[in-house]
Amino acid sequence: MRTRTRLAIGATGAIVAGFLAGCGGAGSSGTQAPATGAQGAGCAPVAGSRLVVLEDDKKLQNTDNIIPAINSKAAQPQLVAALDKVSDSLDTTKLIGLNKAVDVDRKTPKVAAEEFASANNLTAGIPTGGTGSITVGAANFSENQTLGELYRIALTAAGYQVKVQQIGNRELYEPALEKGEIQVVPEYAATMADFLNDKVNKSGTATPPPISSPDLDKTVTGLKAAGEKVGISFGKPSAAQDQNAFAVTKEFADKHAVRTLSELAEKCSGSATVLGGPPECPQRPKCQAGLIQVYNLNAGRFSSLDAGGPQTKSALTSGAISVGLVFSSDGALAAG
């Protein structure tokens, strides 16, 4: 599973780049009791081969839509238009398919991007006339690298000489984007908004209130305002989201007739329900603490696993946990 450099499950009073070591679960099993008393019988885990994401119908998570970040001096109309064409071509289902091609089917990000571009007529209608060299920076996980390759394809069609350079985490590539050492990076709206907000608006040791939101327009408005202060512009956000999500097996969803987190809370709060996620999940506002506060979902047990990785997915499919924290664009969520 790819390593991420994104805001993962939220932090109280701080922006978290990546996942913290957190608090381990009690006992050798890595499980612990819920933060508040669970009521009812709950819903025991159900093993299965396919995972499905439950709809976040009360908008617990913020809008981490894919969006092109651009050094403002390089933001020529042709360049922005080409990147916006990539945004127009993407939704979460297609992003899941791209991740499946790389993480499951073992294609390279370059091959997966080229196949996607061909199948979706990505370069059709892109305005030409772009000149000069463009370096697209990519973070050190496969999804971002594949998105960088899509940007390369679109910008090449616009007339630019383009290369993709893997740089690492946001702490490394964001300053390079400011300085113009790289010109473009595929970003995540909510995470980048809070990262820049913390950077440009922090006063002393006080962390500014987050500017990300479950409302995409509000998130992008705050993101662009923060970006202006450091010389970074943004293109059009895509419909594709890579953010926290909660998954169950299809067999679990069918057995208990749950498709949303509200339905899960209504039918499955109780002692038999097991929530799985990273060790810090019980305290985090975008994980167990948020499920309790927003949905009144009280699991009987918490199982300390990884952050949307193979441990969590294996625990779901094997029937060790009822519901687990995953990422909404994970290739393992592909249908079929």
Protein backbone atom coordinates (compact mmCIF):
# COMPACT_ATOMS: atom_id res chain seq x y z
CA MET A 1 0.00 0.00 0.00
CA ARG A 2 1.31 3.42 -0.88
CA THR A 3 2.53 5.79 1.79
CA ARG A 4 0.65 9.04 1.95
CA THR A 5 1.70 12.56 2.84
CA ARG A 6 -1.82 13.83 3.32
CA LEU A 7 -4.00 14.81 6.22
CA ALA A 8 -5.40 11.47 7.13
CA ILE A 9 -7.78 11.35 10.05
CA GLY A 10 -7.69 14.84 11.47
CA ALA A 11 -6.09 16.24 14.58
CA THR A 12 -7.41 18.40 17.36
CA GLY A 13 -5.69 21.78 17.15
CA ALA A 14 -2.99 20.68 14.68
CA ILE A 15 -2.46 19.73 11.08
CA VAL A 16 -1.06 16.23 10.74
CA ALA A 17 1.15 15.46 7.76
CA GLY A 18 0.86 11.71 7.44
CA PHE A 19 -0.13 9.39 10.26
CA LEU A 20 1.02 9.74 13.84
CA ALA A 21 2.24 6.89 15.92
CA GLY A 22 -0.77 7.45 18.17
CA CYS A 23 -2.01 5.49 21.14
CA GLY A 24 -1.91 1.71 20.93
CA GLY A 25 -4.88 -0.41 21.85
CA ALA A 26 -5.12 -2.15 25.17
CA GLY A 27 -4.00 -5.76 25.37
CA SER A 28 -2.06 -7.92 22.96
CA SER A 29 -4.96 -8.03 20.50
CA GLY A 30 -4.70 -4.32 19.84
CA THR A 31 -8.39 -3.82 20.65
CA GLN A 32 -10.02 -1.50 23.10
CA ALA A 33 -13.42 -0.52 24.37
CA PRO A 34 -15.30 2.36 22.70
CA ALA A 35 -14.98 5.91 23.96
CA THR A 36 -18.61 5.93 25.06
CA GLY A 37 -20.89 3.12 26.07
CA ALA A 38 -22.29 1.17 23.13
CA GLN A 39 -25.93 0.18 23.21
CA GLY A 40 -27.77 -2.62 21.44
CA ALA A 41 -26.56 -5.86 19.96
CA GLY A 42 -24.55 -4.26 17.14
CA CYS A 43 -23.51 -5.97 13.92
CA ALA A 44 -20.83 -8.63 13.99
CA PRO A 45 -18.25 -8.70 11.18
CA VAL A 46 -19.15 -10.53 7.97
CA ALA A 47 -16.30 -11.87 5.83
CA GLY A 48 -16.36 -11.22 2.10
CA SER A 49 -14.24 -10.67 -0.97
CA ARG A 50 -15.41 -7.19 -1.98
CA LEU A 51 -15.33 -3.92 -0.06
CA VAL A 52 -17.86 -1.12 -0.39
CA VAL A 53 -17.67 2.41 1.02
CA LEU A 54 -20.59 3.65 3.09
CA GLU A 55 -21.89 7.07 2.07
CA ASP A 56 -20.82 9.88 4.38
CA ASP A 57 -24.33 11.34 4.28
CA LYS A 58 -23.78 13.82 7.13
CA LYS A 59 -20.48 15.09 5.71
CA LEU A 60 -18.03 14.13 8.43
CA GLN A 61 -15.07 14.32 6.05
CA ASN A 62 -13.70 17.40 4.33
CA THR A 63 -13.51 17.79 0.55
CA ASP A 64 -10.15 16.37 -0.52
CA ASN A 65 -10.79 16.66 -4.24
CA ILE A 66 -7.88 16.39 -6.67
CA ILE A 67 -6.85 19.87 -7.82
CA PRO A 68 -3.83 21.13 -9.81
CA ALA A 69 -1.47 23.39 -7.85
CA ILE A 70 0.54 25.73 -10.09
CA ASN A 71 3.40 28.14 -9.53
CA SER A 72 1.66 31.46 -10.21
CA LYS A 73 4.35 32.70 -12.61
CA ALA A 74 3.85 29.59 -14.75
CA ALA A 75 0.04 29.75 -14.77
CA GLN A 76 -0.39 30.61 -18.44
CA PRO A 77 -3.93 30.19 -19.84
CA GLN A 78 -2.90 27.22 -22.02
CA LEU A 79 -1.29 25.48 -19.07
CA VAL A 80 -4.28 25.97 -16.78
CA ALA A 81 -6.69 24.86 -19.52
CA ALA A 82 -4.74 21.64 -20.08
CA LEU A 83 -4.72 20.82 -16.37
CA ASP A 84 -8.42 21.61 -16.09
CA LYS A 85 -9.04 19.07 -18.86
CA VAL A 86 -7.54 16.42 -16.57
CA SER A 87 -9.82 17.56 -13.75
CA ASP A 88 -12.83 17.32 -16.05
CA SER A 89 -11.90 13.74 -16.95
CA LEU A 90 -11.73 12.44 -13.37
CA ASP A 91 -14.23 11.27 -10.81
CA THR A 92 -13.73 9.00 -7.82
CA THR A 93 -14.74 5.85 -9.70
CA LYS A 94 -12.19 6.56 -12.41
CA LEU A 95 -9.54 7.36 -9.82
CA ILE A 96 -10.23 4.01 -8.15
CA GLY A 97 -9.73 2.37 -11.54
CA LEU A 98 -6.41 4.14 -12.04
CA ASN A 99 -5.23 3.04 -8.60
CA LYS A 100 -6.34 -0.53 -9.29
CA ALA A 101 -4.32 -0.53 -12.51
CA VAL A 102 -1.16 0.40 -10.57
CA ASP A 103 -1.61 -1.09 -7.09
CA VAL A 104 -3.48 -4.26 -7.99
CA ASP A 105 -2.74 -4.96 -11.66
CA ARG A 106 0.88 -3.82 -11.24
CA LYS A 107 1.09 -1.46 -14.20
CA THR A 108 3.43 1.50 -13.95
CA PRO A 109 1.88 4.92 -13.28
CA LYS A 110 3.03 5.99 -16.76
CA VAL A 111 1.32 3.07 -18.51
CA ALA A 112 -1.86 3.42 -16.45
CA ALA A 113 -2.04 7.14 -17.25
CA GLU A 114 -1.45 6.62 -20.96
CA GLU A 115 -4.15 3.94 -21.16
CA PHE A 116 -6.57 6.19 -19.29
CA ALA A 117 -5.77 9.16 -21.53
CA SER A 118 -6.41 7.11 -24.64
CA ALA A 119 -9.65 5.58 -23.34
CA ASN A 120 -11.01 8.96 -22.20
CA ASN A 121 -9.83 11.14 -25.13
CA LEU A 122 -7.94 13.26 -22.65
CA THR A 123 -6.05 15.38 -25.16
CA ALA A 124 -9.03 16.16 -27.42
CA GLY A 125 -9.74 19.87 -27.47
CA ILE A 126 -6.75 20.95 -25.41
CA PRO A 127 -5.63 24.37 -26.67
CA THR A 128 -2.12 24.41 -28.11
CA GLY A 129 0.46 27.18 -28.08
CA GLY A 130 2.20 26.42 -24.82
CA THR A 131 5.96 26.94 -24.85
CA GLY A 132 8.85 26.16 -22.56
CA SER A 133 9.75 23.43 -20.12
CA ILE A 134 7.48 22.30 -17.29
CA THR A 135 8.38 20.05 -14.39
CA VAL A 136 5.48 18.28 -12.74
CA GLY A 137 6.26 17.33 -9.15
CA ALA A 138 4.79 14.17 -7.67
CA ALA A 139 4.52 12.98 -4.09
CA ASN A 140 5.95 9.63 -3.09
CA PHE A 141 2.88 7.44 -3.50
CA SER A 142 1.54 5.83 -6.63
CA GLU A 143 -1.75 7.70 -7.00
CA ASN A 144 -0.01 11.05 -7.06
CA GLN A 145 2.57 9.76 -9.51
CA THR A 146 -0.19 8.56 -11.85
CA LEU A 147 -1.90 11.94 -11.63
CA GLY A 148 1.43 13.57 -12.43
CA GLU A 149 1.66 11.44 -15.56
CA LEU A 150 -1.84 12.55 -16.60
CA TYR A 151 -0.73 16.16 -16.18
CA ARG A 152 2.32 15.37 -18.32
CA ILE A 153 0.17 13.98 -21.12
CA ALA A 154 -2.19 16.97 -21.13
CA LEU A 155 0.59 19.56 -20.93
CA THR A 156 2.54 17.85 -23.70
CA ALA A 157 -0.56 18.05 -25.90
CA ALA A 158 -0.70 21.79 -25.14
CA GLY A 159 2.84 22.22 -26.51
CA TYR A 160 5.05 22.14 -23.41
CA GLN A 161 8.20 20.09 -22.86
CA VAL A 162 7.26 18.15 -19.75
CA LYS A 163 8.91 15.83 -17.25
CA VAL A 164 7.55 14.30 -14.05
CA GLN A 165 9.82 14.39 -11.02
CA GLN A 166 9.07 12.45 -7.84
CA ILE A 167 10.01 14.70 -4.94
CA GLY A 168 8.58 13.28 -1.74
CA ASN A 169 6.24 14.72 0.83
CA ARG A 170 4.46 18.07 0.89
CA GLU A 171 7.07 19.62 3.19
CA LEU A 172 9.56 19.11 0.34
CA TYR A 173 7.56 19.82 -2.78
CA GLU A 174 5.49 22.80 -1.60
CA PRO A 175 8.56 25.09 -1.14
CA ALA A 176 9.86 23.91 -4.52
CA LEU A 177 6.52 24.89 -6.07
CA GLU A 178 6.66 28.32 -4.44
CA LYS A 179 10.16 28.93 -5.79
CA GLY A 180 9.32 27.72 -9.29
CA GLU A 181 11.76 24.81 -9.12
CA ILE A 182 8.73 22.76 -10.14
CA GLN A 183 5.73 24.30 -11.81
CA VAL A 184 2.82 21.92 -11.18
CA VAL A 185 1.76 19.36 -8.54
CA PRO A 186 -1.42 17.26 -8.23
CA GLU A 187 -2.89 18.31 -4.88
CA TYR A 188 -5.73 17.51 -2.50
CA ALA A 189 -7.95 20.51 -1.82
CA ALA A 190 -8.75 20.19 1.89
CA THR A 191 -5.32 18.95 2.92
CA MET A 192 -3.46 21.61 0.95
CA ALA A 193 -5.83 24.32 2.20
CA ASP A 194 -5.06 23.55 5.84
CA PHE A 195 -1.35 23.07 5.14
CA LEU A 196 -1.06 26.53 3.54
CA ASN A 197 -3.37 28.10 6.12
CA ASP A 198 -1.12 26.82 8.90
CA LYS A 199 1.93 28.10 7.03
CA VAL A 200 0.75 31.62 6.21
CA ASN A 201 -1.68 32.42 9.02
CA LYS A 202 -0.10 30.80 12.07
CA SER A 203 0.71 33.27 14.83
CA GLY A 204 3.32 32.11 17.31
CA THR A 205 2.37 28.70 18.61
CA ALA A 206 -1.35 29.19 17.98
CA THR A 207 -2.75 27.13 15.11
CA PRO A 208 -5.30 29.04 12.98
CA PRO A 209 -8.79 27.61 12.57
CA PRO A 210 -8.93 25.18 9.62
CA ILE A 211 -10.21 26.55 6.33
CA SER A 212 -11.09 23.17 4.84
CA SER A 213 -14.73 22.20 4.85
CA PRO A 214 -17.18 19.52 3.71
CA ASP A 215 -18.28 22.21 1.22
CA LEU A 216 -15.97 22.12 -1.81
CA ASP A 217 -16.59 25.74 -2.81
CA LYS A 218 -15.65 26.98 0.67
CA THR A 219 -12.56 24.79 0.72
CA VAL A 220 -11.37 26.02 -2.68
CA THR A 221 -12.06 29.65 -1.80
CA GLY A 222 -9.89 29.35 1.31
CA LEU A 223 -7.26 27.40 -0.60
CA LYS A 224 -6.91 30.04 -3.31
CA ALA A 225 -6.72 32.85 -0.78
CA ALA A 226 -3.92 31.10 1.10
CA GLY A 227 -2.16 30.24 -2.15
CA GLU A 228 -2.08 33.85 -3.27
CA LYS A 229 0.11 34.69 -0.28
CA VAL A 230 2.84 32.29 -1.36
CA GLY A 231 2.62 32.52 -5.15
CA ILE A 232 0.65 29.33 -5.81
CA SER A 233 -2.42 29.24 -8.04
CA PHE A 234 -4.95 26.45 -8.47
CA GLY A 235 -6.87 25.07 -11.39
CA LYS A 236 -10.30 23.48 -11.42
CA PRO A 237 -11.03 20.87 -8.75
CA SER A 238 -12.00 17.49 -10.12
CA ALA A 239 -14.93 15.40 -8.92
CA ALA A 240 -12.40 12.76 -7.81
CA GLN A 241 -11.83 12.57 -4.08
CA ASP A 242 -9.16 10.77 -2.08
CA GLN A 243 -10.21 11.16 1.51
CA ASN A 244 -11.07 9.16 4.58
CA ALA A 245 -13.92 6.71 4.13
CA PHE A 246 -15.42 3.84 6.04
CA ALA A 247 -15.84 0.49 4.32
CA VAL A 248 -17.59 -2.78 5.02
CA THR A 249 -17.76 -5.96 3.00
CA LYS A 250 -20.53 -6.17 0.44
CA GLU A 251 -21.79 -9.18 2.33
CA PHE A 252 -22.02 -7.11 5.53
CA ALA A 253 -23.83 -4.30 3.69
CA ASP A 254 -26.31 -6.71 2.15
CA LYS A 255 -26.94 -8.64 5.37
CA HIS A 256 -27.65 -5.53 7.42
CA ALA A 257 -29.09 -3.38 4.59
CA VAL A 258 -26.70 -0.50 5.21
CA ARG A 259 -25.45 1.87 2.52
CA THR A 260 -24.80 5.01 4.56
CA LEU A 261 -23.05 5.81 7.81
CA SER A 262 -26.39 6.97 9.23
CA GLU A 263 -27.88 3.54 8.52
CA LEU A 264 -24.84 1.88 10.07
CA ALA A 265 -25.25 3.94 13.23
CA GLU A 266 -28.98 3.28 13.40
CA LYS A 267 -28.70 -0.48 12.92
CA CYS A 268 -25.27 -1.41 14.20
CA SER A 269 -24.38 0.62 17.30
CA GLY A 270 -23.68 -2.00 19.92
CA SER A 271 -21.39 -4.57 21.42
CA ALA A 272 -20.92 -6.84 18.39
CA THR A 273 -19.68 -4.07 16.09
CA VAL A 274 -15.90 -3.85 15.67
CA LEU A 275 -14.33 -0.71 14.19
CA GLY A 276 -10.83 -0.97 12.74
CA GLY A 277 -8.34 1.78 12.00
CA PRO A 278 -4.96 3.29 12.90
CA PRO A 279 -4.03 3.49 16.59
CA GLU A 280 -4.90 7.18 16.90
CA CYS A 281 -8.39 6.73 15.41
CA PRO A 282 -10.34 6.76 18.71
CA GLN A 283 -9.16 10.30 19.50
CA ARG A 284 -9.40 11.80 16.01
CA PRO A 285 -12.30 13.97 14.81
CA LYS A 286 -12.32 12.39 11.34
CA CYS A 287 -12.25 8.83 12.69
CA GLN A 288 -13.93 7.20 15.71
CA ALA A 289 -14.44 10.42 17.66
CA GLY A 290 -16.19 11.93 14.64
CA LEU A 291 -18.34 8.85 14.08
CA ILE A 292 -19.57 9.17 17.66
CA GLN A 293 -20.11 12.92 17.53
CA VAL A 294 -21.65 13.24 14.05
CA TYR A 295 -23.41 9.89 13.67
CA ASN A 296 -23.80 8.61 17.24
CA LEU A 297 -22.15 5.41 16.04
CA ASN A 298 -20.84 3.50 19.05
CA ALA A 299 -18.84 0.39 18.28
CA GLY A 300 -18.44 -2.31 20.87
CA ARG A 301 -14.72 -2.65 20.22
CA PHE A 302 -11.93 -0.85 18.41
CA SER A 303 -9.20 -2.85 16.66
CA SER A 304 -5.86 -1.08 16.27
CA LEU A 305 -4.60 -1.72 12.72
CA ASP A 306 -3.04 0.46 10.02
CA ALA A 307 -4.18 3.59 8.18
CA GLY A 308 -6.32 2.26 5.36
CA GLY A 309 -3.67 -0.29 4.45
CA PRO A 310 -3.44 -4.07 4.03
CA GLN A 311 -4.08 -4.83 7.70
CA THR A 312 -7.40 -3.01 7.70
CA LYS A 313 -8.52 -4.43 4.36
CA SER A 314 -7.54 -7.95 5.38
CA ALA A 315 -9.41 -7.58 8.67
CA LEU A 316 -12.52 -6.57 6.75
CA THR A 317 -12.42 -9.37 4.19
CA SER A 318 -11.54 -12.03 6.79
CA GLY A 319 -14.37 -10.99 9.09
CA ALA A 320 -12.22 -9.67 11.94
CA ILE A 321 -13.80 -6.19 11.93
CA SER A 322 -17.22 -4.87 10.96
CA VAL A 323 -16.17 -1.52 9.52
CA GLY A 324 -12.75 -0.03 8.78
CA LEU A 325 -11.12 3.24 7.82
CA VAL A 326 -9.97 3.21 4.18
CA PHE A 327 -9.27 5.80 1.49
CA SER A 328 -12.10 6.60 -0.90
CA SER A 329 -9.96 6.10 -4.02
CA ASP A 330 -8.31 2.81 -3.00
CA GLY A 331 -7.92 0.41 -5.92
CA ALA A 332 -9.27 -2.38 -3.73
CA LEU A 333 -12.69 -0.70 -3.98
CA ALA A 334 -12.94 -1.32 -7.72
CA ALA A 335 -16.06 -3.23 -8.75
CA GLY A 336 -15.70 -6.67 -10.30
